[in-house]
Amino acid sequence: MFLFPHERQDMRHDGVTIACEQPWRPFMANPSRTLPWPRRLIVDLLHFSRRVPSIPVERIFKIGKLVEIRSSLVERPGWTALFVKAFGILAHETPALRTSYLGYPWERLVEHDTNVASIAIEKDIDGQSAVLFAKIRGPENRSALHIEQLISVAKSCPVRESATFRLAHGVSKLPTFIRRMIWWLVLEWSGSWRARKFGTFGISSYGMLGAESLHPLSPLTATLTFGPISPKGKVRVRIIYDHRVCDGSVVARALARLEQILNEDLSAELRDLGAARELEATTEEAPTSTIRDKKAS
């Protein structure tokens, strides 16, 4: 408990100003609680992200064909899964987007052989909303539907059932100076450690909530974010990149190529998915029709 000193308050009575001294009054300090481990994770993330000279580059995509094909499917992958796969294909074609800057023991650029997507997901932990990061290795080699299934599992599974989440939980429970040392060693010393534990590119979006992030912070070389997608397929897409690794012209051309991948490669994949589902439905109906014909005869 703390006490305020005497406070002076002037009052007016019949045109005369009277100075009154207010009595001492007690003040109770606001209650505090220990920072939960998911918030510690975000605090550490921001601590290392602010060291990255990141710059956003934006392009308005027109993906009406993909929107139309996706809306015709009964079983459809989410937009995050589609962008994860498209960016995986893009990073496979563009080495700069899977290259990391490491500062110790000497400054160098490390090109990763395999893409690892780091996807920001929202989970309920102990009754509170928290953001964790799911990892998907080689998204360009997976179907969009498989990526969607992996994201759904990451959102629903308990923390103890995911090796990635268990590691985040264990490190975040450590004292601050130990956590920062671990983060620094993984991010700055070893390219393979960095790719396995943090990923090679990030995906973070509020588009499904009707909002968009202008400049998400991340220690990674490239982070993709997109806003709400209109019924006609217009959407703002941004890549936030590390200027130590590449220049804006590379990212601007990469955004144009990403739009092309969505309209061509991903549209073709969803079209094939729809055709496969129709074929399965036809195959399932055929034996039933045969049985009915035999009974009728």
Protein backbone atom coordinates (compact mmCIF):
# COMPACT_ATOMS: atom_id res chain seq x y z
CA MET A 1 0.00 0.00 0.00
CA PHE A 2 1.20 3.50 -0.90
CA LEU A 3 0.11 6.94 0.42
CA PHE A 4 -0.33 10.08 -1.63
CA PRO A 5 1.03 13.31 -0.09
CA HIS A 6 -1.35 16.12 0.81
CA GLU A 7 -3.17 17.44 -2.21
CA ARG A 8 -4.22 21.06 -2.54
CA GLN A 9 -7.63 21.87 -3.97
CA ASP A 10 -8.92 25.43 -4.36
CA MET A 11 -12.60 26.14 -3.72
CA ARG A 12 -14.65 29.31 -4.33
CA HIS A 13 -17.32 30.52 -1.88
CA ASP A 14 -19.13 33.86 -2.28
CA GLY A 15 -16.46 35.02 -4.73
CA VAL A 16 -13.64 34.22 -2.32
CA THR A 17 -11.04 31.56 -3.17
CA ILE A 18 -10.35 29.22 -0.26
CA ALA A 19 -7.32 26.88 -0.31
CA CYS A 20 -8.15 23.51 1.18
CA GLU A 21 -5.74 20.74 2.06
CA GLN A 22 -7.00 17.25 1.19
CA PRO A 23 -6.32 14.53 3.72
CA TRP A 24 -3.97 11.63 3.07
CA ARG A 25 -5.66 8.80 1.24
CA PRO A 26 -4.48 5.24 0.69
CA PHE A 27 -3.64 3.87 -2.77
CA MET A 28 -3.58 0.19 -3.57
CA ALA A 29 -1.08 -0.92 -6.24
CA ASN A 30 -2.59 -2.58 -9.35
CA PRO A 31 -2.44 -6.37 -9.20
CA SER A 32 0.27 -8.05 -11.31
CA ARG A 33 0.84 -11.56 -12.54
CA THR A 34 3.66 -13.52 -14.09
CA LEU A 35 3.99 -13.15 -17.85
CA PRO A 36 2.52 -16.34 -19.43
CA TRP A 37 4.94 -18.37 -21.52
CA PRO A 38 3.17 -17.63 -24.87
CA ARG A 39 3.64 -13.90 -24.21
CA ARG A 40 7.31 -14.54 -23.39
CA LEU A 41 7.60 -16.20 -26.79
CA ILE A 42 6.23 -13.08 -28.50
CA VAL A 43 8.46 -10.80 -26.39
CA ASP A 44 11.55 -12.75 -27.48
CA LEU A 45 10.36 -12.73 -31.09
CA LEU A 46 9.99 -8.94 -31.06
CA HIS A 47 13.36 -8.53 -29.34
CA PHE A 48 15.18 -10.20 -32.24
CA SER A 49 12.86 -8.94 -34.99
CA ARG A 50 13.61 -5.29 -34.24
CA ARG A 51 17.24 -5.90 -35.26
CA VAL A 52 16.16 -6.81 -38.80
CA PRO A 53 16.02 -3.89 -41.31
CA SER A 54 12.76 -5.09 -42.82
CA ILE A 55 10.85 -3.34 -45.58
CA PRO A 56 7.34 -4.15 -46.91
CA VAL A 57 6.54 -4.37 -50.61
CA GLU A 58 2.87 -4.54 -51.67
CA ARG A 59 1.02 -5.61 -54.78
CA ILE A 60 -2.72 -5.87 -55.47
CA PHE A 61 -3.44 -9.39 -56.74
CA LYS A 62 -6.28 -10.33 -59.08
CA ILE A 63 -7.00 -14.01 -58.48
CA GLY A 64 -10.62 -14.21 -59.57
CA LYS A 65 -10.11 -17.50 -61.42
CA LEU A 66 -8.73 -19.17 -58.29
CA VAL A 67 -11.59 -17.78 -56.18
CA GLU A 68 -14.16 -19.16 -58.63
CA ILE A 69 -12.60 -22.64 -58.79
CA ARG A 70 -12.15 -22.82 -55.01
CA SER A 71 -15.74 -21.78 -54.32
CA SER A 72 -17.00 -24.65 -56.51
CA LEU A 73 -15.32 -27.29 -54.32
CA VAL A 74 -17.03 -29.02 -51.44
CA GLU A 75 -13.73 -29.92 -49.78
CA ARG A 76 -11.53 -26.88 -50.21
CA PRO A 77 -8.17 -25.80 -48.75
CA GLY A 78 -8.02 -22.53 -46.82
CA TRP A 79 -6.40 -19.42 -48.21
CA THR A 80 -3.46 -19.70 -45.83
CA ALA A 81 -2.69 -23.18 -47.17
CA LEU A 82 -2.89 -21.92 -50.77
CA PHE A 83 -0.52 -19.03 -50.08
CA VAL A 84 1.87 -21.31 -48.18
CA LYS A 85 2.16 -23.65 -51.16
CA ALA A 86 2.42 -20.79 -53.67
CA PHE A 87 5.18 -19.10 -51.67
CA GLY A 88 6.97 -22.44 -51.33
CA ILE A 89 7.02 -22.76 -55.12
CA LEU A 90 8.18 -19.13 -55.41
CA ALA A 91 10.99 -19.56 -52.87
CA HIS A 92 12.13 -22.74 -54.63
CA GLU A 93 12.49 -20.69 -57.82
CA THR A 94 13.96 -17.60 -56.10
CA PRO A 95 17.05 -18.41 -54.00
CA ALA A 96 17.04 -14.98 -52.31
CA LEU A 97 13.76 -15.86 -50.56
CA ARG A 98 15.33 -18.92 -48.93
CA THR A 99 18.58 -17.21 -47.97
CA SER A 100 19.33 -16.01 -44.43
CA TYR A 101 21.72 -13.41 -43.05
CA LEU A 102 23.91 -14.71 -40.20
CA GLY A 103 26.12 -12.31 -38.28
CA TYR A 104 28.41 -14.59 -36.24
CA PRO A 105 31.12 -15.69 -36.06
CA TRP A 106 31.40 -13.73 -39.33
CA GLU A 107 28.84 -12.02 -41.57
CA ARG A 108 27.55 -14.38 -44.27
CA LEU A 109 24.55 -15.38 -46.36
CA VAL A 110 23.31 -18.96 -46.10
CA GLU A 111 21.14 -20.41 -48.87
CA HIS A 112 18.84 -23.14 -47.57
CA ASP A 113 18.24 -26.27 -49.66
CA THR A 114 14.75 -26.88 -48.27
CA ASN A 115 11.91 -24.47 -47.60
CA VAL A 116 10.36 -24.52 -44.13
CA ALA A 117 7.18 -22.48 -43.70
CA SER A 118 6.56 -20.86 -40.31
CA ILE A 119 2.83 -20.22 -40.00
CA ALA A 120 1.36 -18.03 -37.27
CA ILE A 121 -1.68 -19.77 -35.79
CA GLU A 122 -4.03 -18.87 -32.95
CA LYS A 123 -4.51 -21.39 -30.15
CA ASP A 124 -6.40 -21.44 -26.88
CA ILE A 125 -3.95 -22.09 -24.03
CA ASP A 126 -5.26 -22.16 -20.47
CA GLY A 127 -8.36 -20.26 -21.51
CA GLN A 128 -6.42 -17.46 -23.22
CA SER A 129 -5.77 -16.75 -26.89
CA ALA A 130 -2.12 -17.24 -27.89
CA VAL A 131 -0.08 -17.17 -31.10
CA LEU A 132 2.26 -20.07 -31.86
CA PHE A 133 4.13 -20.99 -35.02
CA ALA A 134 3.56 -24.24 -36.91
CA LYS A 135 6.34 -25.52 -39.17
CA ILE A 136 5.75 -27.23 -42.53
CA ARG A 137 8.79 -28.59 -44.35
CA GLY A 138 8.85 -28.52 -48.15
CA PRO A 139 5.37 -27.04 -48.74
CA GLU A 140 6.01 -26.82 -52.49
CA ASN A 141 6.09 -30.64 -52.60
CA ARG A 142 2.75 -31.09 -50.81
CA SER A 143 -0.79 -30.66 -52.01
CA ALA A 144 -2.69 -27.61 -50.78
CA LEU A 145 -5.24 -29.94 -49.17
CA HIS A 146 -2.48 -31.72 -47.23
CA ILE A 147 -1.11 -28.39 -46.04
CA GLU A 148 -4.60 -27.42 -44.88
CA GLN A 149 -4.83 -30.67 -42.90
CA LEU A 150 -1.46 -30.01 -41.24
CA ILE A 151 -2.54 -26.49 -40.27
CA SER A 152 -5.82 -27.81 -38.83
CA VAL A 153 -3.96 -30.41 -36.76
CA ALA A 154 -1.57 -27.74 -35.44
CA LYS A 155 -4.50 -25.54 -34.41
CA SER A 156 -6.37 -28.30 -32.58
CA CYS A 157 -3.67 -30.50 -31.05
CA PRO A 158 -2.55 -29.98 -27.41
CA VAL A 159 0.84 -28.34 -26.91
CA ARG A 160 2.33 -31.54 -25.47
CA GLU A 161 1.55 -33.48 -28.67
CA SER A 162 3.60 -31.23 -30.96
CA ALA A 163 7.41 -31.28 -30.85
CA THR A 164 7.53 -27.68 -32.14
CA PHE A 165 5.14 -26.42 -29.49
CA ARG A 166 6.83 -28.42 -26.71
CA LEU A 167 10.16 -26.81 -27.63
CA ALA A 168 8.62 -23.32 -27.63
CA HIS A 169 7.02 -24.02 -24.25
CA GLY A 170 10.24 -25.38 -22.73
CA VAL A 171 12.45 -22.52 -23.90
CA SER A 172 9.90 -19.85 -22.94
CA LYS A 173 9.82 -21.12 -19.35
CA LEU A 174 13.54 -20.42 -18.90
CA PRO A 175 14.99 -17.20 -17.41
CA THR A 176 15.28 -14.29 -19.83
CA PHE A 177 19.05 -14.26 -20.27
CA ILE A 178 19.11 -18.01 -21.05
CA ARG A 179 16.23 -17.69 -23.53
CA ARG A 180 17.94 -14.81 -25.33
CA MET A 181 21.20 -16.75 -25.54
CA ILE A 182 19.43 -19.74 -27.11
CA TRP A 183 17.59 -17.55 -29.62
CA TRP A 184 20.79 -15.71 -30.53
CA LEU A 185 22.79 -18.91 -31.06
CA VAL A 186 20.12 -20.47 -33.29
CA LEU A 187 19.47 -17.33 -35.35
CA GLU A 188 23.03 -16.07 -35.76
CA TRP A 189 25.38 -19.07 -35.73
CA SER A 190 23.90 -21.98 -37.67
CA GLY A 191 21.92 -21.88 -40.89
CA SER A 192 20.61 -25.44 -40.45
CA TRP A 193 19.50 -24.77 -36.86
CA ARG A 194 17.81 -21.57 -37.96
CA ALA A 195 15.87 -23.28 -40.77
CA ARG A 196 14.75 -26.21 -38.61
CA LYS A 197 13.71 -24.22 -35.53
CA PHE A 198 12.47 -20.94 -37.04
CA GLY A 199 11.76 -21.74 -40.70
CA THR A 200 12.96 -20.08 -43.90
CA PHE A 201 9.89 -17.90 -44.52
CA GLY A 202 6.84 -16.81 -42.54
CA ILE A 203 3.10 -16.50 -43.16
CA SER A 204 0.90 -14.27 -41.02
CA SER A 205 -2.53 -12.98 -42.01
CA TYR A 206 -5.70 -11.50 -40.51
CA GLY A 207 -7.51 -11.64 -43.84
CA MET A 208 -10.08 -14.16 -42.60
CA LEU A 209 -10.98 -11.66 -39.84
CA GLY A 210 -11.57 -8.83 -42.30
CA ALA A 211 -8.33 -7.02 -41.43
CA GLU A 212 -4.76 -6.86 -42.66
CA SER A 213 -1.35 -6.41 -41.10
CA LEU A 214 0.73 -3.57 -42.51
CA HIS A 215 4.20 -4.59 -41.32
CA PRO A 216 4.42 -7.81 -39.27
CA LEU A 217 7.76 -8.17 -37.49
CA SER A 218 9.85 -11.31 -37.92
CA PRO A 219 13.51 -12.36 -37.69
CA LEU A 220 13.14 -14.27 -40.99
CA THR A 221 14.24 -13.09 -44.42
CA ALA A 222 10.73 -12.98 -45.89
CA THR A 223 7.26 -12.87 -44.34
CA LEU A 224 4.08 -12.96 -46.41
CA THR A 225 0.84 -11.34 -45.32
CA PHE A 226 -2.45 -10.78 -47.16
CA GLY A 227 -5.70 -9.00 -46.43
CA PRO A 228 -9.35 -9.85 -47.06
CA ILE A 229 -10.10 -11.37 -50.45
CA SER A 230 -13.01 -9.82 -52.32
CA PRO A 231 -15.59 -11.97 -54.15
CA LYS A 232 -13.98 -10.87 -57.42
CA GLY A 233 -10.55 -11.98 -56.24
CA LYS A 234 -8.82 -8.69 -55.44
CA VAL A 235 -6.47 -8.84 -52.46
CA ARG A 236 -3.54 -6.84 -51.11
CA VAL A 237 -0.45 -9.01 -50.67
CA ARG A 238 2.75 -7.90 -48.95
CA ILE A 239 6.19 -9.43 -48.58
CA ILE A 240 8.23 -8.01 -45.73
CA TYR A 241 11.88 -8.71 -46.54
CA ASP A 242 15.30 -8.37 -44.92
CA HIS A 243 17.16 -5.67 -46.87
CA ARG A 244 20.50 -7.22 -45.90
CA VAL A 245 19.67 -10.24 -48.06
CA CYS A 246 18.05 -8.76 -51.17
CA ASP A 247 16.67 -5.59 -52.73
CA GLY A 248 13.15 -4.38 -53.35
CA SER A 249 13.26 -5.05 -57.09
CA VAL A 250 13.73 -8.76 -56.41
CA VAL A 251 10.70 -8.79 -54.12
CA ALA A 252 8.56 -6.77 -56.55
CA ARG A 253 9.24 -9.29 -59.33
CA ALA A 254 8.62 -12.11 -56.84
CA LEU A 255 5.17 -10.71 -56.06
CA ALA A 256 4.26 -10.66 -59.76
CA ARG A 257 5.42 -14.26 -60.07
CA LEU A 258 3.47 -15.24 -56.94
CA GLU A 259 0.26 -13.91 -58.49
CA GLN A 260 0.99 -15.97 -61.60
CA ILE A 261 1.56 -19.12 -59.50
CA LEU A 262 -1.79 -18.65 -57.76
CA ASN A 263 -3.68 -18.10 -61.01
CA GLU A 264 -1.99 -20.92 -62.92
CA ASP A 265 -0.42 -23.63 -60.72
CA LEU A 266 -2.85 -23.47 -57.80
CA SER A 267 -5.90 -23.05 -60.05
CA ALA A 268 -4.84 -26.15 -61.99
CA GLU A 269 -4.36 -28.10 -58.76
CA LEU A 270 -7.81 -27.19 -57.45
CA ARG A 271 -9.36 -27.96 -60.83
CA ASP A 272 -7.77 -31.42 -60.77
CA LEU A 273 -8.94 -31.86 -57.17
CA GLY A 274 -12.52 -31.10 -58.19
CA ALA A 275 -12.33 -33.50 -61.14
CA ALA A 276 -10.94 -36.25 -58.89
CA ARG A 277 -13.75 -35.79 -56.37
CA GLU A 278 -16.36 -35.95 -59.14
CA LEU A 279 -14.79 -39.16 -60.45
CA GLU A 280 -14.86 -40.69 -56.98
CA ALA A 281 -18.52 -39.78 -56.58
CA THR A 282 -19.36 -41.31 -59.97
CA THR A 283 -17.45 -44.50 -59.11
CA GLU A 284 -19.31 -44.84 -55.81
CA GLU A 285 -22.70 -44.39 -57.50
CA ALA A 286 -22.01 -46.95 -60.25
CA PRO A 287 -22.05 -50.13 -58.05
CA THR A 288 -25.22 -48.90 -56.33
CA SER A 289 -26.98 -48.51 -59.68
CA THR A 290 -25.86 -52.02 -60.72
CA ILE A 291 -27.31 -53.53 -57.56
CA ARG A 292 -30.61 -51.76 -58.08
CA ASP A 293 -30.82 -53.02 -61.70
CA LYS A 294 -30.23 -56.61 -60.58
CA LYS A 295 -32.92 -56.38 -57.93
CA ALA A 296 -35.35 -54.91 -60.42
CA SER A 297 -34.69 -57.73 -62.88
